Amino acid sequence: MIHGKEGRKFGRKKGQRKAFLKGLAGNLIKRGRIETTEARAKAIRPFVERLVSTAKKQTLADFRNLLAKLDKSSAEKLYFEIAPKYSKRAGGFLRITKTDSFRKRDGGKIAVIEFV
C-alpha cells in the first residue's frame, strides 16, 4: 500500500517545503498575481484559499493564525485589504491561467496565478 502520497514534494524536506510555500504565498498576496510553474501554482492555491477563508472571519484569533502562517506584511494585507473584498464570496478566490510558454532551463510549463 502506498500511503502519504498527497501533495507535491518539490524535492525538498518538510521544513524547506513549508518555507517555500510560505514564501510563494506571501509573494502572491503582496503582488496580487505571480507567474510561476503550473505545479507550484496548483500547490499554493489551496493553501492561500484556506488563508483567505480564515481572514474573512475577521477575528483576532484568525489574524494571529495568519501571522503564524505568513510574514507580518502579507498577513496584514490579506486581513485588512484582500479578505473584506471576498466577504460575500463562498470560495474560488484564485484563478490559475496556463500560458503557452516554458521555462528556458528545464522546460517547466509556466502559469499565472492571481486573485479573481
PDB file of N, CA and C in Angstrom:
ATOM      1  N   MET A   1       0.831  -1.182   0.000  1.00  0.00           N
ATOM      2  CA  MET A   1       0.000   0.000   0.000  1.00  0.00           C
ATOM      3  C   MET A   1       0.873   1.241   0.000  1.00  0.00           C
ATOM      4  N   ILE A   2       0.442   2.236  -0.748  1.00  0.00           N
ATOM      5  CA  ILE A   2       1.175   3.494  -0.782  1.00  0.00           C
ATOM      6  C   ILE A   2       0.375   4.541  -0.018  1.00  0.00           C
ATOM      7  N   HIS A   3       0.927   4.970   1.106  1.00  0.00           N
ATOM      8  CA  HIS A   3       0.274   5.978   1.928  1.00  0.00           C
ATOM      9  C   HIS A   3       1.090   7.254   1.883  1.00  0.00           C
ATOM     10  N   GLY A   4       0.477   8.341   2.213  1.00  0.00           N
ATOM     11  CA  GLY A   4       1.204   9.599   2.337  1.00  0.00           C
ATOM     12  C   GLY A   4       1.686  10.176   1.027  1.00  0.00           C
ATOM     13  N   LYS A   5       0.953   9.993  -0.054  1.00  0.00           N
ATOM     14  CA  LYS A   5       1.396  10.484  -1.354  1.00  0.00           C
ATOM     15  C   LYS A   5       0.708  11.792  -1.737  1.00  0.00           C
ATOM     16  N   GLU A   6      -0.116  12.328  -0.843  1.00  0.00           N
ATOM     17  CA  GLU A   6      -0.841  13.539  -1.170  1.00  0.00           C
ATOM     18  C   GLU A   6       0.093  14.747  -1.162  1.00  0.00           C
ATOM     19  N   GLY A   7      -0.078  15.638  -2.104  1.00  0.00           N
ATOM     20  CA  GLY A   7       0.705  16.871  -2.150  1.00  0.00           C
ATOM     21  C   GLY A   7       1.990  16.713  -2.934  1.00  0.00           C
ATOM     22  N   ARG A   8       2.514  17.849  -3.335  1.00  0.00           N
ATOM     23  CA  ARG A   8       3.751  17.869  -4.096  1.00  0.00           C
ATOM     24  C   ARG A   8       4.930  18.076  -3.165  1.00  0.00           C
ATOM     25  N   LYS A   9       6.030  17.413  -3.446  1.00  0.00           N
ATOM     26  CA  LYS A   9       7.188  17.473  -2.558  1.00  0.00           C
ATOM     27  C   LYS A   9       8.234  18.490  -3.017  1.00  0.00           C
ATOM     28  N   PHE A  10       8.326  18.746  -4.301  1.00  0.00           N
ATOM     29  CA  PHE A  10       9.277  19.704  -4.879  1.00  0.00           C
ATOM     30  C   PHE A  10      10.726  19.387  -4.530  1.00  0.00           C
ATOM     31  N   GLY A  11      11.024  18.130  -4.240  1.00  0.00           N
ATOM     32  CA  GLY A  11      12.401  17.735  -3.948  1.00  0.00           C
ATOM     33  C   GLY A  11      12.952  18.370  -2.685  1.00  0.00           C
ATOM     34  N   ARG A  12      12.094  18.685  -1.744  1.00  0.00           N
ATOM     35  CA  ARG A  12      12.511  19.348  -0.517  1.00  0.00           C
ATOM     36  C   ARG A  12      12.016  18.567   0.695  1.00  0.00           C
ATOM     37  N   LYS A  13      12.697  18.776   1.813  1.00  0.00           N
ATOM     38  CA  LYS A  13      12.238  18.193   3.062  1.00  0.00           C
ATOM     39  C   LYS A  13      11.095  19.039   3.613  1.00  0.00           C
ATOM     40  N   LYS A  14      10.442  18.530   4.651  1.00  0.00           N
ATOM     41  CA  LYS A  14       9.215  19.158   5.150  1.00  0.00           C
ATOM     42  C   LYS A  14       9.393  20.632   5.525  1.00  0.00           C
ATOM     43  N   GLY A  15      10.424  20.947   6.270  1.00  0.00           N
ATOM     44  CA  GLY A  15      10.643  22.324   6.700  1.00  0.00           C
ATOM     45  C   GLY A  15      10.933  23.257   5.535  1.00  0.00           C
ATOM     46  N   GLN A  16      11.760  22.792   4.617  1.00  0.00           N
ATOM     47  CA  GLN A  16      12.088  23.582   3.433  1.00  0.00           C
ATOM     48  C   GLN A  16      10.851  23.808   2.575  1.00  0.00           C
ATOM     49  N   ARG A  17      10.044  22.762   2.432  1.00  0.00           N
ATOM     50  CA  ARG A  17       8.831  22.848   1.621  1.00  0.00           C
ATOM     51  C   ARG A  17       7.831  23.830   2.238  1.00  0.00           C
ATOM     52  N   LYS A  18       7.727  23.800   3.551  1.00  0.00           N
ATOM     53  CA  LYS A  18       6.833  24.701   4.264  1.00  0.00           C
ATOM     54  C   LYS A  18       7.267  26.157   4.061  1.00  0.00           C
ATOM     55  N   ALA A  19       8.561  26.408   4.181  1.00  0.00           N
ATOM     56  CA  ALA A  19       9.094  27.760   3.985  1.00  0.00           C
ATOM     57  C   ALA A  19       8.923  28.207   2.533  1.00  0.00           C
ATOM     58  N   PHE A  20       9.086  27.281   1.610  1.00  0.00           N
ATOM     59  CA  PHE A  20       8.932  27.551   0.187  1.00  0.00           C
ATOM     60  C   PHE A  20       7.501  27.985  -0.133  1.00  0.00           C
ATOM     61  N   LEU A  21       6.522  27.235   0.379  1.00  0.00           N
ATOM     62  CA  LEU A  21       5.115  27.573   0.155  1.00  0.00           C
ATOM     63  C   LEU A  21       4.740  28.882   0.847  1.00  0.00           C
ATOM     64  N   LYS A  22       5.293  29.111   2.016  1.00  0.00           N
ATOM     65  CA  LYS A  22       5.040  30.342   2.756  1.00  0.00           C
ATOM     66  C   LYS A  22       5.549  31.544   1.958  1.00  0.00           C
ATOM     67  N   GLY A  23       6.723  31.411   1.358  1.00  0.00           N
ATOM     68  CA  GLY A  23       7.289  32.490   0.549  1.00  0.00           C
ATOM     69  C   GLY A  23       6.485  32.744  -0.713  1.00  0.00           C
ATOM     70  N   LEU A  24       6.095  31.675  -1.399  1.00  0.00           N
ATOM     71  CA  LEU A  24       5.272  31.827  -2.603  1.00  0.00           C
ATOM     72  C   LEU A  24       3.932  32.482  -2.282  1.00  0.00           C
ATOM     73  N   ALA A  25       3.305  32.028  -1.205  1.00  0.00           N
ATOM     74  CA  ALA A  25       2.017  32.593  -0.811  1.00  0.00           C
ATOM     75  C   ALA A  25       2.158  34.056  -0.437  1.00  0.00           C
ATOM     76  N   GLY A  26       3.220  34.396   0.273  1.00  0.00           N
ATOM     77  CA  GLY A  26       3.458  35.788   0.654  1.00  0.00           C
ATOM     78  C   GLY A  26       3.632  36.683  -0.564  1.00  0.00           C
ATOM     79  N   ASN A  27       4.384  36.207  -1.539  1.00  0.00           N
ATOM     80  CA  ASN A  27       4.578  36.984  -2.766  1.00  0.00           C
ATOM     81  C   ASN A  27       3.273  37.151  -3.536  1.00  0.00           C
ATOM     82  N   LEU A  28       2.469  36.106  -3.579  1.00  0.00           N
ATOM     83  CA  LEU A  28       1.180  36.185  -4.263  1.00  0.00           C
ATOM     84  C   LEU A  28       0.267  37.212  -3.585  1.00  0.00           C
ATOM     85  N   ILE A  29       0.247  37.209  -2.274  1.00  0.00           N
ATOM     86  CA  ILE A  29      -0.605  38.139  -1.541  1.00  0.00           C
ATOM     87  C   ILE A  29      -0.114  39.577  -1.718  1.00  0.00           C
ATOM     88  N   LYS A  30       1.190  39.785  -1.666  1.00  0.00           N
ATOM     89  CA  LYS A  30       1.734  41.141  -1.813  1.00  0.00           C
ATOM     90  C   LYS A  30       1.512  41.697  -3.215  1.00  0.00           C
ATOM     91  N   ARG A  31       1.717  40.867  -4.224  1.00  0.00           N
ATOM     92  CA  ARG A  31       1.644  41.339  -5.606  1.00  0.00           C
ATOM     93  C   ARG A  31       0.267  41.179  -6.237  1.00  0.00           C
ATOM     94  N   GLY A  32      -0.520  40.252  -5.737  1.00  0.00           N
ATOM     95  CA  GLY A  32      -1.848  40.019  -6.298  1.00  0.00           C
ATOM     96  C   GLY A  32      -1.851  39.053  -7.462  1.00  0.00           C
ATOM     97  N   ARG A  33      -0.684  38.814  -8.035  1.00  0.00           N
ATOM     98  CA  ARG A  33      -0.574  37.943  -9.216  1.00  0.00           C
ATOM     99  C   ARG A  33       0.894  37.606  -9.404  1.00  0.00           C
ATOM    100  N   ILE A  34       1.197  36.316  -9.594  1.00  0.00           N
ATOM    101  CA  ILE A  34       2.577  35.920  -9.872  1.00  0.00           C
ATOM    102  C   ILE A  34       2.612  34.940 -11.033  1.00  0.00           C
ATOM    103  N   GLU A  35       3.748  34.885 -11.680  1.00  0.00           N
ATOM    104  CA  GLU A  35       3.982  33.957 -12.781  1.00  0.00           C
ATOM    105  C   GLU A  35       4.949  32.897 -12.268  1.00  0.00           C
ATOM    106  N   THR A  36       4.526  31.654 -12.297  1.00  0.00           N
ATOM    107  CA  THR A  36       5.325  30.557 -11.764  1.00  0.00           C
ATOM    108  C   THR A  36       5.009  29.289 -12.558  1.00  0.00           C
ATOM    109  N   THR A  37       5.528  28.157 -12.126  1.00  0.00           N
ATOM    110  CA  THR A  37       5.226  26.920 -12.841  1.00  0.00           C
ATOM    111  C   THR A  37       3.834  26.430 -12.467  1.00  0.00           C
ATOM    112  N   GLU A  38       3.272  25.599 -13.316  1.00  0.00           N
ATOM    113  CA  GLU A  38       1.937  25.056 -13.059  1.00  0.00           C
ATOM    114  C   GLU A  38       1.895  24.288 -11.745  1.00  0.00           C
ATOM    115  N   ALA A  39       2.913  23.477 -11.491  1.00  0.00           N
ATOM    116  CA  ALA A  39       2.931  22.653 -10.279  1.00  0.00           C
ATOM    117  C   ALA A  39       2.946  23.519  -9.029  1.00  0.00           C
ATOM    118  N   ARG A  40       3.735  24.583  -9.040  1.00  0.00           N
ATOM    119  CA  ARG A  40       3.788  25.482  -7.883  1.00  0.00           C
ATOM    120  C   ARG A  40       2.466  26.207  -7.699  1.00  0.00           C
ATOM    121  N   ALA A  41       1.873  26.650  -8.792  1.00  0.00           N
ATOM    122  CA  ALA A  41       0.591  27.355  -8.718  1.00  0.00           C
ATOM    123  C   ALA A  41      -0.487  26.442  -8.138  1.00  0.00           C
ATOM    124  N   LYS A  42      -0.510  25.185  -8.591  1.00  0.00           N
ATOM    125  CA  LYS A  42      -1.507  24.240  -8.089  1.00  0.00           C
ATOM    126  C   LYS A  42      -1.270  23.892  -6.628  1.00  0.00           C
ATOM    127  N   ALA A  43      -0.007  23.971  -6.185  1.00  0.00           N
ATOM    128  CA  ALA A  43       0.305  23.644  -4.793  1.00  0.00           C
ATOM    129  C   ALA A  43      -0.080  24.775  -3.843  1.00  0.00           C
ATOM    130  N   ILE A  44       0.090  26.041  -4.265  1.00  0.00           N
ATOM    131  CA  ILE A  44      -0.213  27.130  -3.333  1.00  0.00           C
ATOM    132  C   ILE A  44      -1.676  27.547  -3.355  1.00  0.00           C
ATOM    133  N   ARG A  45      -2.402  27.152  -4.372  1.00  0.00           N
ATOM    134  CA  ARG A  45      -3.816  27.555  -4.464  1.00  0.00           C
ATOM    135  C   ARG A  45      -4.642  27.145  -3.233  1.00  0.00           C
ATOM    136  N   PRO A  46      -4.658  25.862  -2.829  1.00  0.00           N
ATOM    137  CA  PRO A  46      -5.464  25.503  -1.653  1.00  0.00           C
ATOM    138  C   PRO A  46      -4.941  26.154  -0.369  1.00  0.00           C
ATOM    139  N   PHE A  47      -3.630  26.332  -0.275  1.00  0.00           N
ATOM    140  CA  PHE A  47      -3.019  26.958   0.901  1.00  0.00           C
ATOM    141  C   PHE A  47      -3.511  28.397   1.058  1.00  0.00           C
ATOM    142  N   VAL A  48      -3.459  29.176  -0.032  1.00  0.00           N
ATOM    143  CA  VAL A  48      -3.864  30.579   0.028  1.00  0.00           C
ATOM    144  C   VAL A  48      -5.382  30.711   0.167  1.00  0.00           C
ATOM    145  N   GLU A  49      -6.140  29.850  -0.503  1.00  0.00           N
ATOM    146  CA  GLU A  49      -7.596  29.933  -0.386  1.00  0.00           C
ATOM    147  C   GLU A  49      -8.052  29.648   1.038  1.00  0.00           C
ATOM    148  N   ARG A  50      -7.385  28.735   1.709  1.00  0.00           N
ATOM    149  CA  ARG A  50      -7.692  28.464   3.106  1.00  0.00           C
ATOM    150  C   ARG A  50      -7.384  29.688   3.975  1.00  0.00           C
ATOM    151  N   LEU A  51      -6.274  30.366   3.662  1.00  0.00           N
ATOM    152  CA  LEU A  51      -5.908  31.570   4.410  1.00  0.00           C
ATOM    153  C   LEU A  51      -6.937  32.688   4.209  1.00  0.00           C
ATOM    154  N   VAL A  52      -7.430  32.834   2.977  1.00  0.00           N
ATOM    155  CA  VAL A  52      -8.438  33.861   2.696  1.00  0.00           C
ATOM    156  C   VAL A  52      -9.724  33.541   3.465  1.00  0.00           C
ATOM    157  N   SER A  53     -10.107  32.282   3.483  1.00  0.00           N
ATOM    158  CA  SER A  53     -11.306  31.885   4.228  1.00  0.00           C
ATOM    159  C   SER A  53     -11.146  32.175   5.712  1.00  0.00           C
ATOM    160  N   THR A  54      -9.953  31.962   6.239  1.00  0.00           N
ATOM    161  CA  THR A  54      -9.678  32.267   7.640  1.00  0.00           C
ATOM    162  C   THR A  54      -9.759  33.770   7.881  1.00  0.00           C
ATOM    163  N   ALA A  55      -9.167  34.548   6.980  1.00  0.00           N
ATOM    164  CA  ALA A  55      -9.127  36.004   7.136  1.00  0.00           C
ATOM    165  C   ALA A  55     -10.511  36.632   7.019  1.00  0.00           C
ATOM    166  N   LYS A  56     -11.413  35.995   6.285  1.00  0.00           N
ATOM    167  CA  LYS A  56     -12.763  36.532   6.101  1.00  0.00           C
ATOM    168  C   LYS A  56     -13.550  36.612   7.406  1.00  0.00           C
ATOM    169  N   LYS A  57     -13.216  35.782   8.379  1.00  0.00           N
ATOM    170  CA  LYS A  57     -13.964  35.758   9.639  1.00  0.00           C
ATOM    171  C   LYS A  57     -13.721  37.016  10.474  1.00  0.00           C
ATOM    172  N   GLN A  58     -12.570  37.668  10.261  1.00  0.00           N
ATOM    173  CA  GLN A  58     -12.240  38.938  10.907  1.00  0.00           C
ATOM    174  C   GLN A  58     -12.278  38.872  12.439  1.00  0.00           C
ATOM    175  N   THR A  59     -11.617  37.862  13.003  1.00  0.00           N
ATOM    176  CA  THR A  59     -11.470  37.795  14.454  1.00  0.00           C
ATOM    177  C   THR A  59      -9.996  37.896  14.802  1.00  0.00           C
ATOM    178  N   LEU A  60      -9.715  38.253  16.029  1.00  0.00           N
ATOM    179  CA  LEU A  60      -8.338  38.400  16.473  1.00  0.00           C
ATOM    180  C   LEU A  60      -7.587  37.068  16.406  1.00  0.00           C
ATOM    181  N   ALA A  61      -8.256  35.991  16.781  1.00  0.00           N
ATOM    182  CA  ALA A  61      -7.634  34.668  16.744  1.00  0.00           C
ATOM    183  C   ALA A  61      -7.254  34.289  15.314  1.00  0.00           C
ATOM    184  N   ASP A  62      -8.113  34.620  14.349  1.00  0.00           N
ATOM    185  CA  ASP A  62      -7.807  34.311  12.954  1.00  0.00           C
ATOM    186  C   ASP A  62      -6.643  35.155  12.451  1.00  0.00           C
ATOM    187  N   PHE A  63      -6.565  36.402  12.881  1.00  0.00           N
ATOM    188  CA  PHE A  63      -5.435  37.250  12.492  1.00  0.00           C
ATOM    189  C   PHE A  63      -4.132  36.678  13.043  1.00  0.00           C
ATOM    190  N   ARG A  64      -4.177  36.188  14.274  1.00  0.00           N
ATOM    191  CA  ARG A  64      -2.975  35.585  14.867  1.00  0.00           C
ATOM    192  C   ARG A  64      -2.587  34.297  14.145  1.00  0.00           C
ATOM    193  N   ASN A  65      -3.578  33.532  13.682  1.00  0.00           N
ATOM    194  CA  ASN A  65      -3.277  32.332  12.890  1.00  0.00           C
ATOM    195  C   ASN A  65      -2.608  32.704  11.577  1.00  0.00           C
ATOM    196  N   LEU A  66      -3.064  33.786  10.957  1.00  0.00           N
ATOM    197  CA  LEU A  66      -2.425  34.262   9.723  1.00  0.00           C
ATOM    198  C   LEU A  66      -0.983  34.664   9.982  1.00  0.00           C
ATOM    199  N   LEU A  67      -0.743  35.346  11.097  1.00  0.00           N
ATOM    200  CA  LEU A  67       0.623  35.752  11.441  1.00  0.00           C
ATOM    201  C   LEU A  67       1.533  34.541  11.636  1.00  0.00           C
ATOM    202  N   ALA A  68       0.965  33.440  12.116  1.00  0.00           N
ATOM    203  CA  ALA A  68       1.757  32.224  12.312  1.00  0.00           C
ATOM    204  C   ALA A  68       2.111  31.568  10.990  1.00  0.00           C
ATOM    205  N   LYS A  69       1.265  31.762   9.973  1.00  0.00           N
ATOM    206  CA  LYS A  69       1.473  31.087   8.700  1.00  0.00           C
ATOM    207  C   LYS A  69       2.132  31.958   7.638  1.00  0.00           C
ATOM    208  N   LEU A  70       2.117  33.294   7.833  1.00  0.00           N
ATOM    209  CA  LEU A  70       2.682  34.233   6.861  1.00  0.00           C
ATOM    210  C   LEU A  70       3.554  35.252   7.577  1.00  0.00           C
ATOM    211  N   ASP A  71       4.325  36.024   6.793  1.00  0.00           N
ATOM    212  CA  ASP A  71       5.060  37.127   7.402  1.00  0.00           C
ATOM    213  C   ASP A  71       4.076  38.263   7.704  1.00  0.00           C
ATOM    214  N   LYS A  72       4.505  39.220   8.519  1.00  0.00           N
ATOM    215  CA  LYS A  72       3.588  40.235   9.044  1.00  0.00           C
ATOM    216  C   LYS A  72       2.931  41.082   7.953  1.00  0.00           C
ATOM    217  N   SER A  73       3.718  41.555   6.981  1.00  0.00           N
ATOM    218  CA  SER A  73       3.153  42.439   5.954  1.00  0.00           C
ATOM    219  C   SER A  73       2.126  41.711   5.082  1.00  0.00           C
ATOM    220  N   SER A  74       2.388  40.460   4.754  1.00  0.00           N
ATOM    221  CA  SER A  74       1.443  39.672   3.951  1.00  0.00           C
ATOM    222  C   SER A  74       0.158  39.399   4.737  1.00  0.00           C
ATOM    223  N   ALA A  75       0.318  39.057   6.012  1.00  0.00           N
ATOM    224  CA  ALA A  75      -0.852  38.762   6.851  1.00  0.00           C
ATOM    225  C   ALA A  75      -1.734  40.001   7.002  1.00  0.00           C
ATOM    226  N   GLU A  76      -1.109  41.157   7.191  1.00  0.00           N
ATOM    227  CA  GLU A  76      -1.880  42.392   7.332  1.00  0.00           C
ATOM    228  C   GLU A  76      -2.613  42.745   6.048  1.00  0.00           C
ATOM    229  N   LYS A  77      -1.924  42.601   4.911  1.00  0.00           N
ATOM    230  CA  LYS A  77      -2.570  42.918   3.634  1.00  0.00           C
ATOM    231  C   LYS A  77      -3.751  41.984   3.386  1.00  0.00           C
ATOM    232  N   LEU A  78      -3.553  40.694   3.668  1.00  0.00           N
ATOM    233  CA  LEU A  78      -4.624  39.723   3.468  1.00  0.00           C
ATOM    234  C   LEU A  78      -5.813  40.019   4.381  1.00  0.00           C
ATOM    235  N   TYR A  79      -5.552  40.300   5.628  1.00  0.00           N
ATOM    236  CA  TYR A  79      -6.610  40.502   6.618  1.00  0.00           C
ATOM    237  C   TYR A  79      -7.365  41.815   6.411  1.00  0.00           C
ATOM    238  N   PHE A  80      -6.619  42.895   6.144  1.00  0.00           N
ATOM    239  CA  PHE A  80      -7.246  44.218   6.088  1.00  0.00           C
ATOM    240  C   PHE A  80      -7.683  44.656   4.693  1.00  0.00           C
ATOM    241  N   GLU A  81      -7.061  44.161   3.628  1.00  0.00           N
ATOM    242  CA  GLU A  81      -7.381  44.620   2.279  1.00  0.00           C
ATOM    243  C   GLU A  81      -8.069  43.563   1.414  1.00  0.00           C
ATOM    244  N   ILE A  82      -7.503  42.360   1.370  1.00  0.00           N
ATOM    245  CA  ILE A  82      -7.992  41.344   0.431  1.00  0.00           C
ATOM    246  C   ILE A  82      -9.252  40.641   0.939  1.00  0.00           C
ATOM    247  N   ALA A  83      -9.237  40.169   2.175  1.00  0.00           N
ATOM    248  CA  ALA A  83     -10.365  39.393   2.711  1.00  0.00           C
ATOM    249  C   ALA A  83     -11.694  40.144   2.701  1.00  0.00           C
ATOM    250  N   PRO A  84     -11.734  41.438   3.058  1.00  0.00           N
ATOM    251  CA  PRO A  84     -13.029  42.137   3.015  1.00  0.00           C
ATOM    252  C   PRO A  84     -13.663  42.175   1.617  1.00  0.00           C
ATOM    253  N   LYS A  85     -12.852  42.135   0.565  1.00  0.00           N
ATOM    254  CA  LYS A  85     -13.390  42.118  -0.806  1.00  0.00           C
ATOM    255  C   LYS A  85     -14.176  40.842  -1.079  1.00  0.00           C
ATOM    256  N   TYR A  86     -13.754  39.751  -0.429  1.00  0.00           N
ATOM    257  CA  TYR A  86     -14.345  38.446  -0.689  1.00  0.00           C
ATOM    258  C   TYR A  86     -15.330  38.022   0.397  1.00  0.00           C
ATOM    259  N   SER A  87     -15.830  38.963   1.176  1.00  0.00           N
ATOM    260  CA  SER A  87     -16.705  38.606   2.299  1.00  0.00           C
ATOM    261  C   SER A  87     -17.994  37.919   1.843  1.00  0.00           C
ATOM    262  N   LYS A  88     -18.497  38.258   0.668  1.00  0.00           N
ATOM    263  CA  LYS A  88     -19.737  37.652   0.159  1.00  0.00           C
ATOM    264  C   LYS A  88     -19.473  36.408  -0.698  1.00  0.00           C
ATOM    265  N   ARG A  89     -18.228  36.190  -1.075  1.00  0.00           N
ATOM    266  CA  ARG A  89     -17.899  35.075  -1.964  1.00  0.00           C
ATOM    267  C   ARG A  89     -17.667  33.796  -1.158  1.00  0.00           C
ATOM    268  N   ALA A  90     -18.223  32.692  -1.618  1.00  0.00           N
ATOM    269  CA  ALA A  90     -18.144  31.424  -0.879  1.00  0.00           C
ATOM    270  C   ALA A  90     -16.802  30.713  -1.047  1.00  0.00           C
ATOM    271  N   GLY A  91     -16.145  30.905  -2.146  1.00  0.00           N
ATOM    272  CA  GLY A  91     -14.869  30.239  -2.394  1.00  0.00           C
ATOM    273  C   GLY A  91     -14.373  30.582  -3.773  1.00  0.00           C
ATOM    274  N   GLY A  92     -13.295  29.956  -4.193  1.00  0.00           N
ATOM    275  CA  GLY A  92     -12.754  30.212  -5.523  1.00  0.00           C
ATOM    276  C   GLY A  92     -12.170  31.603  -5.629  1.00  0.00           C
ATOM    277  N   PHE A  93     -11.224  31.922  -4.736  1.00  0.00           N
ATOM    278  CA  PHE A  93     -10.650  33.252  -4.695  1.00  0.00           C
ATOM    279  C   PHE A  93      -9.492  33.429  -5.675  1.00  0.00           C
ATOM    280  N   LEU A  94      -8.945  32.319  -6.165  1.00  0.00           N
ATOM    281  CA  LEU A  94      -7.777  32.377  -7.048  1.00  0.00           C
ATOM    282  C   LEU A  94      -8.081  31.775  -8.410  1.00  0.00           C
ATOM    283  N   ARG A  95      -7.367  32.267  -9.408  1.00  0.00           N
ATOM    284  CA  ARG A  95      -7.501  31.761 -10.782  1.00  0.00           C
ATOM    285  C   ARG A  95      -6.108  31.378 -11.282  1.00  0.00           C
ATOM    286  N   ILE A  96      -6.005  30.183 -11.853  1.00  0.00           N
ATOM    287  CA  ILE A  96      -4.756  29.747 -12.480  1.00  0.00           C
ATOM    288  C   ILE A  96      -4.973  29.766 -13.981  1.00  0.00           C
ATOM    289  N   THR A  97      -4.139  30.515 -14.683  1.00  0.00           N
ATOM    290  CA  THR A  97      -4.209  30.601 -16.135  1.00  0.00           C
ATOM    291  C   THR A  97      -2.932  30.001 -16.709  1.00  0.00           C
ATOM    292  N   LYS A  98      -3.081  28.951 -17.479  1.00  0.00           N
ATOM    293  CA  LYS A  98      -1.915  28.326 -18.092  1.00  0.00           C
ATOM    294  C   LYS A  98      -1.485  29.144 -19.305  1.00  0.00           C
ATOM    295  N   THR A  99      -0.197  29.353 -19.450  1.00  0.00           N
ATOM    296  CA  THR A  99       0.329  30.075 -20.608  1.00  0.00           C
ATOM    297  C   THR A  99       0.955  29.075 -21.564  1.00  0.00           C
ATOM    298  N   ASP A 100       1.325  29.550 -22.724  1.00  0.00           N
ATOM    299  CA  ASP A 100       1.938  28.646 -23.703  1.00  0.00           C
ATOM    300  C   ASP A 100       3.461  28.723 -23.658  1.00  0.00           C
ATOM    301  N   SER A 101       4.012  29.353 -22.637  1.00  0.00           N
ATOM    302  CA  SER A 101       5.467  29.470 -22.547  1.00  0.00           C
ATOM    303  C   SER A 101       6.046  28.419 -21.599  1.00  0.00           C
ATOM    304  N   PHE A 102       7.326  28.176 -21.764  1.00  0.00           N
ATOM    305  CA  PHE A 102       8.055  27.211 -20.961  1.00  0.00           C
ATOM    306  C   PHE A 102       9.282  27.881 -20.364  1.00  0.00           C
ATOM    307  N   ARG A 103       9.715  27.392 -19.213  1.00  0.00           N
ATOM    308  CA  ARG A 103      10.927  27.911 -18.600  1.00  0.00           C
ATOM    309  C   ARG A 103      12.122  27.453 -19.427  1.00  0.00           C
ATOM    310  N   LYS A 104      13.053  28.357 -19.644  1.00  0.00           N
ATOM    311  CA  LYS A 104      14.138  28.070 -20.572  1.00  0.00           C
ATOM    312  C   LYS A 104      15.065  26.948 -20.081  1.00  0.00           C
ATOM    313  N   ARG A 105      15.403  26.944 -18.806  1.00  0.00           N
ATOM    314  CA  ARG A 105      16.428  25.999 -18.346  1.00  0.00           C
ATOM    315  C   ARG A 105      15.963  24.557 -18.258  1.00  0.00           C
ATOM    316  N   ASP A 106      14.671  24.324 -17.893  1.00  0.00           N
ATOM    317  CA  ASP A 106      14.235  22.941 -17.729  1.00  0.00           C
ATOM    318  C   ASP A 106      12.927  22.621 -18.435  1.00  0.00           C
ATOM    319  N   GLY A 107      12.358  23.583 -19.133  1.00  0.00           N
ATOM    320  CA  GLY A 107      11.143  23.323 -19.893  1.00  0.00           C
ATOM    321  C   GLY A 107       9.887  23.224 -19.057  1.00  0.00           C
ATOM    322  N   GLY A 108       9.920  23.753 -17.817  1.00  0.00           N
ATOM    323  CA  GLY A 108       8.731  23.720 -16.968  1.00  0.00           C
ATOM    324  C   GLY A 108       7.630  24.613 -17.525  1.00  0.00           C
ATOM    325  N   LYS A 109       6.392  24.119 -17.487  1.00  0.00           N
ATOM    326  CA  LYS A 109       5.260  24.902 -18.001  1.00  0.00           C
ATOM    327  C   LYS A 109       4.982  26.081 -17.062  1.00  0.00           C
ATOM    328  N   ILE A 110       4.756  27.237 -17.666  1.00  0.00           N
ATOM    329  CA  ILE A 110       4.523  28.454 -16.903  1.00  0.00           C
ATOM    330  C   ILE A 110       3.023  28.725 -16.780  1.00  0.00           C
ATOM    331  N   ALA A 111       2.601  29.163 -15.602  1.00  0.00           N
ATOM    332  CA  ALA A 111       1.198  29.528 -15.364  1.00  0.00           C
ATOM    333  C   ALA A 111       1.168  30.830 -14.575  1.00  0.00           C
ATOM    334  N   VAL A 112       0.048  31.506 -14.647  1.00  0.00           N
ATOM    335  CA  VAL A 112      -0.155  32.731 -13.880  1.00  0.00           C
ATOM    336  C   VAL A 112      -1.234  32.448 -12.850  1.00  0.00           C
ATOM    337  N   ILE A 113      -0.950  32.772 -11.594  1.00  0.00           N
ATOM    338  CA  ILE A 113      -1.950  32.613 -10.539  1.00  0.00           C
ATOM    339  C   ILE A 113      -2.258  34.003  -9.994  1.00  0.00           C
ATOM    340  N   GLU A 114      -3.556  34.296  -9.876  1.00  0.00           N
ATOM    341  CA  GLU A 114      -3.966  35.637  -9.453  1.00  0.00           C
ATOM    342  C   GLU A 114      -5.284  35.566  -8.695  1.00  0.00           C
ATOM    343  N   PHE A 115      -5.550  36.635  -7.946  1.00  0.00           N
ATOM    344  CA  PHE A 115      -6.834  36.733  -7.270  1.00  0.00           C
ATOM    345  C   PHE A 115      -7.908  37.095  -8.268  1.00  0.00           C
ATOM    346  N   VAL A 116      -9.107  36.544  -8.089  1.00  0.00           N
ATOM    347  CA  VAL A 116     -10.212  36.783  -9.007  1.00  0.00           C
ATOM    348  C   VAL A 116     -10.744  38.185  -8.797  1.00  0.00           C
TER     349      VAL A 116
END
